[in-house]
Amino acid sequence: MGHNNKEHHQATEGLVNLFTKANHDLTVVQHRLEKEFQQVYPDKDLIDKTRTTLVGNISLLQPMQASVGIPLTSDSDDPAFANFNQIVDEWAVQVRSRPGDDERHESDSQDINKLLFLAIVQSN
């Protein structure tokens, strides 16, 4: 019986080692997939971050404009900000008008980041 227990223990140890290695391999694959996903798909908050950057630039520009005595630029007056919003709005209309995707038709302007992400994922 002692000989049988030794074989059973060795078999169990072999399985534990196999599962440990498999777990390690799966963890490596998971990390590689996450890294690839981050490289392939942009941040879902890309549009919000771009808007924030543009508004921040306008806020930095306003004190300089005031110091030299030229009219202050507001968000709506800034050509870069206006062009960005126009492009985003036109793109959103185009994406929402694609046939066969009822979920997109129900989305509002707050979901523009989600629309961008879904459009990129579906195109890949």
C-alpha atoms as a PDB file:
ATOM      1  CA  MET A   1       0.000   0.000   0.000  1.00  0.00           C
ATOM      2  CA  GLY A   2       2.905   2.342   0.739  1.00  0.00           C
ATOM      3  CA  HIS A   3       4.173   1.893  -2.832  1.00  0.00           C
ATOM      4  CA  ASN A   4       0.713   2.735  -4.205  1.00  0.00           C
ATOM      5  CA  ASN A   5       0.532   5.928  -2.096  1.00  0.00           C
ATOM      6  CA  LYS A   6       3.934   7.026  -3.414  1.00  0.00           C
ATOM      7  CA  GLU A   7       2.755   6.590  -7.023  1.00  0.00           C
ATOM      8  CA  HIS A   8      -0.491   8.392  -6.207  1.00  0.00           C
ATOM      9  CA  HIS A   9       1.450  11.231  -4.576  1.00  0.00           C
ATOM     10  CA  GLN A  10       3.775  11.512  -7.591  1.00  0.00           C
ATOM     11  CA  ALA A  11       0.821  11.548  -9.973  1.00  0.00           C
ATOM     12  CA  THR A  12      -0.889  14.231  -7.919  1.00  0.00           C
ATOM     13  CA  GLU A  13       2.317  16.234  -7.784  1.00  0.00           C
ATOM     14  CA  GLY A  14       2.619  15.925 -11.568  1.00  0.00           C
ATOM     15  CA  LEU A  15      -0.912  17.225 -12.033  1.00  0.00           C
ATOM     16  CA  VAL A  16      -0.311  20.106  -9.646  1.00  0.00           C
ATOM     17  CA  ASN A  17       2.854  21.021 -11.566  1.00  0.00           C
ATOM     18  CA  LEU A  18       0.988  20.796 -14.865  1.00  0.00           C
ATOM     19  CA  PHE A  19      -1.843  23.010 -13.603  1.00  0.00           C
ATOM     20  CA  THR A  20       0.659  25.497 -12.157  1.00  0.00           C
ATOM     21  CA  LYS A  21       2.460  25.738 -15.493  1.00  0.00           C
ATOM     22  CA  ALA A  22      -0.849  26.035 -17.375  1.00  0.00           C
ATOM     23  CA  ASN A  23      -1.965  28.793 -15.010  1.00  0.00           C
ATOM     24  CA  HIS A  24       1.306  30.652 -15.571  1.00  0.00           C
ATOM     25  CA  ASP A  25       1.005  30.252 -19.356  1.00  0.00           C
ATOM     26  CA  LEU A  26      -2.570  31.513 -19.323  1.00  0.00           C
ATOM     27  CA  THR A  27      -1.550  34.521 -17.236  1.00  0.00           C
ATOM     28  CA  VAL A  28       1.185  35.351 -19.767  1.00  0.00           C
ATOM     29  CA  VAL A  29      -1.312  35.055 -22.631  1.00  0.00           C
ATOM     30  CA  GLN A  30      -3.815  37.248 -20.757  1.00  0.00           C
ATOM     31  CA  HIS A  31      -1.215  39.979 -20.241  1.00  0.00           C
ATOM     32  CA  ARG A  32      -0.179  39.833 -23.906  1.00  0.00           C
ATOM     33  CA  LEU A  33      -3.794  40.076 -25.046  1.00  0.00           C
ATOM     34  CA  GLU A  34      -4.462  43.026 -22.739  1.00  0.00           C
ATOM     35  CA  LYS A  35      -1.351  44.797 -24.027  1.00  0.00           C
ATOM     36  CA  GLU A  36      -2.324  44.142 -27.652  1.00  0.00           C
ATOM     37  CA  PHE A  37      -5.881  45.313 -26.992  1.00  0.00           C
ATOM     38  CA  GLN A  38      -4.602  48.584 -25.517  1.00  0.00           C
ATOM     39  CA  GLN A  39      -2.373  49.105 -28.569  1.00  0.00           C
ATOM     40  CA  VAL A  40      -5.066  48.277 -31.137  1.00  0.00           C
ATOM     41  CA  TYR A  41      -8.046  50.014 -29.585  1.00  0.00           C
ATOM     42  CA  PRO A  42      -7.789  53.613 -28.438  1.00  0.00           C
ATOM     43  CA  ASP A  43      -8.896  54.836 -25.098  1.00  0.00           C
ATOM     44  CA  LYS A  44     -12.716  55.048 -24.998  1.00  0.00           C
ATOM     45  CA  ASP A  45     -12.414  58.513 -23.496  1.00  0.00           C
ATOM     46  CA  LEU A  46     -10.430  59.816 -26.458  1.00  0.00           C
ATOM     47  CA  ILE A  47     -13.041  62.367 -27.544  1.00  0.00           C
ATOM     48  CA  ASP A  48     -13.569  63.669 -24.011  1.00  0.00           C
ATOM     49  CA  LYS A  49      -9.823  63.978 -23.501  1.00  0.00           C
ATOM     50  CA  THR A  50      -9.461  65.868 -26.776  1.00  0.00           C
ATOM     51  CA  ARG A  51     -12.262  68.263 -25.841  1.00  0.00           C
ATOM     52  CA  THR A  52     -10.694  68.794 -22.417  1.00  0.00           C
ATOM     53  CA  THR A  53      -7.327  69.544 -24.020  1.00  0.00           C
ATOM     54  CA  LEU A  54      -8.855  72.043 -26.443  1.00  0.00           C
ATOM     55  CA  VAL A  55     -10.789  73.801 -23.676  1.00  0.00           C
ATOM     56  CA  GLY A  56      -7.633  73.818 -21.548  1.00  0.00           C
ATOM     57  CA  ASN A  57      -5.698  75.407 -24.402  1.00  0.00           C
ATOM     58  CA  ILE A  58      -8.355  78.086 -24.762  1.00  0.00           C
ATOM     59  CA  SER A  59      -8.182  78.742 -21.008  1.00  0.00           C
ATOM     60  CA  LEU A  60      -4.401  79.166 -21.266  1.00  0.00           C
ATOM     61  CA  LEU A  61      -4.755  81.417 -24.292  1.00  0.00           C
ATOM     62  CA  GLN A  62      -7.275  83.796 -22.701  1.00  0.00           C
ATOM     63  CA  PRO A  63      -4.867  85.398 -20.171  1.00  0.00           C
ATOM     64  CA  MET A  64      -2.355  85.967 -22.969  1.00  0.00           C
ATOM     65  CA  GLN A  65      -5.060  87.566 -25.114  1.00  0.00           C
ATOM     66  CA  ALA A  66      -6.106  89.790 -22.208  1.00  0.00           C
ATOM     67  CA  SER A  67      -2.525  90.861 -21.559  1.00  0.00           C
ATOM     68  CA  VAL A  68      -2.049  92.081 -25.134  1.00  0.00           C
ATOM     69  CA  GLY A  69      -5.495  93.628 -25.338  1.00  0.00           C
ATOM     70  CA  ILE A  70      -7.089  91.441 -28.004  1.00  0.00           C
ATOM     71  CA  PRO A  71     -10.603  90.000 -27.697  1.00  0.00           C
ATOM     72  CA  LEU A  72     -10.834  86.810 -25.664  1.00  0.00           C
ATOM     73  CA  THR A  73     -11.565  83.572 -27.484  1.00  0.00           C
ATOM     74  CA  SER A  74     -14.382  81.492 -26.039  1.00  0.00           C
ATOM     75  CA  ASP A  75     -14.989  77.816 -26.752  1.00  0.00           C
ATOM     76  CA  SER A  76     -17.556  78.657 -29.408  1.00  0.00           C
ATOM     77  CA  ASP A  77     -15.246  81.240 -31.055  1.00  0.00           C
ATOM     78  CA  ASP A  78     -12.213  78.968 -31.239  1.00  0.00           C
ATOM     79  CA  PRO A  79     -11.870  77.573 -34.786  1.00  0.00           C
ATOM     80  CA  ALA A  80     -10.057  74.391 -33.678  1.00  0.00           C
ATOM     81  CA  PHE A  81     -12.727  73.619 -31.092  1.00  0.00           C
ATOM     82  CA  ALA A  82     -15.559  74.408 -33.505  1.00  0.00           C
ATOM     83  CA  ASN A  83     -13.997  72.262 -36.252  1.00  0.00           C
ATOM     84  CA  PHE A  84     -13.426  69.406 -33.841  1.00  0.00           C
ATOM     85  CA  ASN A  85     -17.047  69.486 -32.675  1.00  0.00           C
ATOM     86  CA  GLN A  86     -18.297  69.681 -36.261  1.00  0.00           C
ATOM     87  CA  ILE A  87     -16.220  66.654 -37.278  1.00  0.00           C
ATOM     88  CA  VAL A  88     -17.367  64.657 -34.250  1.00  0.00           C
ATOM     89  CA  ASP A  89     -21.008  65.593 -34.889  1.00  0.00           C
ATOM     90  CA  GLU A  90     -20.809  64.666 -38.590  1.00  0.00           C
ATOM     91  CA  TRP A  91     -19.068  61.401 -37.791  1.00  0.00           C
ATOM     92  CA  ALA A  92     -21.668  60.553 -35.116  1.00  0.00           C
ATOM     93  CA  VAL A  93     -24.518  61.173 -37.567  1.00  0.00           C
ATOM     94  CA  GLN A  94     -22.820  58.936 -40.123  1.00  0.00           C
ATOM     95  CA  VAL A  95     -22.219  56.134 -37.612  1.00  0.00           C
ATOM     96  CA  ARG A  96     -25.747  56.320 -36.239  1.00  0.00           C
ATOM     97  CA  SER A  97     -27.219  56.200 -39.731  1.00  0.00           C
ATOM     98  CA  ARG A  98     -25.650  52.850 -40.585  1.00  0.00           C
ATOM     99  CA  PRO A  99     -28.395  50.301 -41.181  1.00  0.00           C
ATOM    100  CA  GLY A 100     -28.861  47.271 -38.973  1.00  0.00           C
ATOM    101  CA  ASP A 101     -27.704  48.632 -35.647  1.00  0.00           C
ATOM    102  CA  ASP A 102     -30.672  49.735 -33.542  1.00  0.00           C
ATOM    103  CA  GLU A 103     -28.495  50.214 -30.445  1.00  0.00           C
ATOM    104  CA  ARG A 104     -26.576  53.010 -32.154  1.00  0.00           C
ATOM    105  CA  HIS A 105     -29.758  54.818 -33.158  1.00  0.00           C
ATOM    106  CA  GLU A 106     -30.805  55.038 -29.514  1.00  0.00           C
ATOM    107  CA  SER A 107     -27.520  56.503 -28.309  1.00  0.00           C
ATOM    108  CA  ASP A 108     -27.171  60.201 -27.550  1.00  0.00           C
ATOM    109  CA  SER A 109     -24.263  62.602 -27.650  1.00  0.00           C
ATOM    110  CA  GLN A 110     -23.078  61.382 -24.241  1.00  0.00           C
ATOM    111  CA  ASP A 111     -22.309  58.004 -25.812  1.00  0.00           C
ATOM    112  CA  ILE A 112     -19.987  59.362 -28.506  1.00  0.00           C
ATOM    113  CA  ASN A 113     -16.975  57.668 -26.920  1.00  0.00           C
ATOM    114  CA  LYS A 114     -18.829  54.361 -26.955  1.00  0.00           C
ATOM    115  CA  LEU A 115     -19.733  54.884 -30.621  1.00  0.00           C
ATOM    116  CA  LEU A 116     -16.103  55.538 -31.475  1.00  0.00           C
ATOM    117  CA  PHE A 117     -14.966  52.441 -29.625  1.00  0.00           C
ATOM    118  CA  LEU A 118     -17.635  50.220 -31.222  1.00  0.00           C
ATOM    119  CA  ALA A 119     -16.873  51.563 -34.701  1.00  0.00           C
ATOM    120  CA  ILE A 120     -13.176  50.810 -34.287  1.00  0.00           C
ATOM    121  CA  VAL A 121     -13.790  47.349 -32.845  1.00  0.00           C
ATOM    122  CA  GLN A 122     -16.228  46.445 -35.620  1.00  0.00           C
ATOM    123  CA  SER A 123     -13.891  47.710 -38.365  1.00  0.00           C
ATOM    124  CA  ASN A 124     -11.122  45.434 -37.051  1.00  0.00           C
END
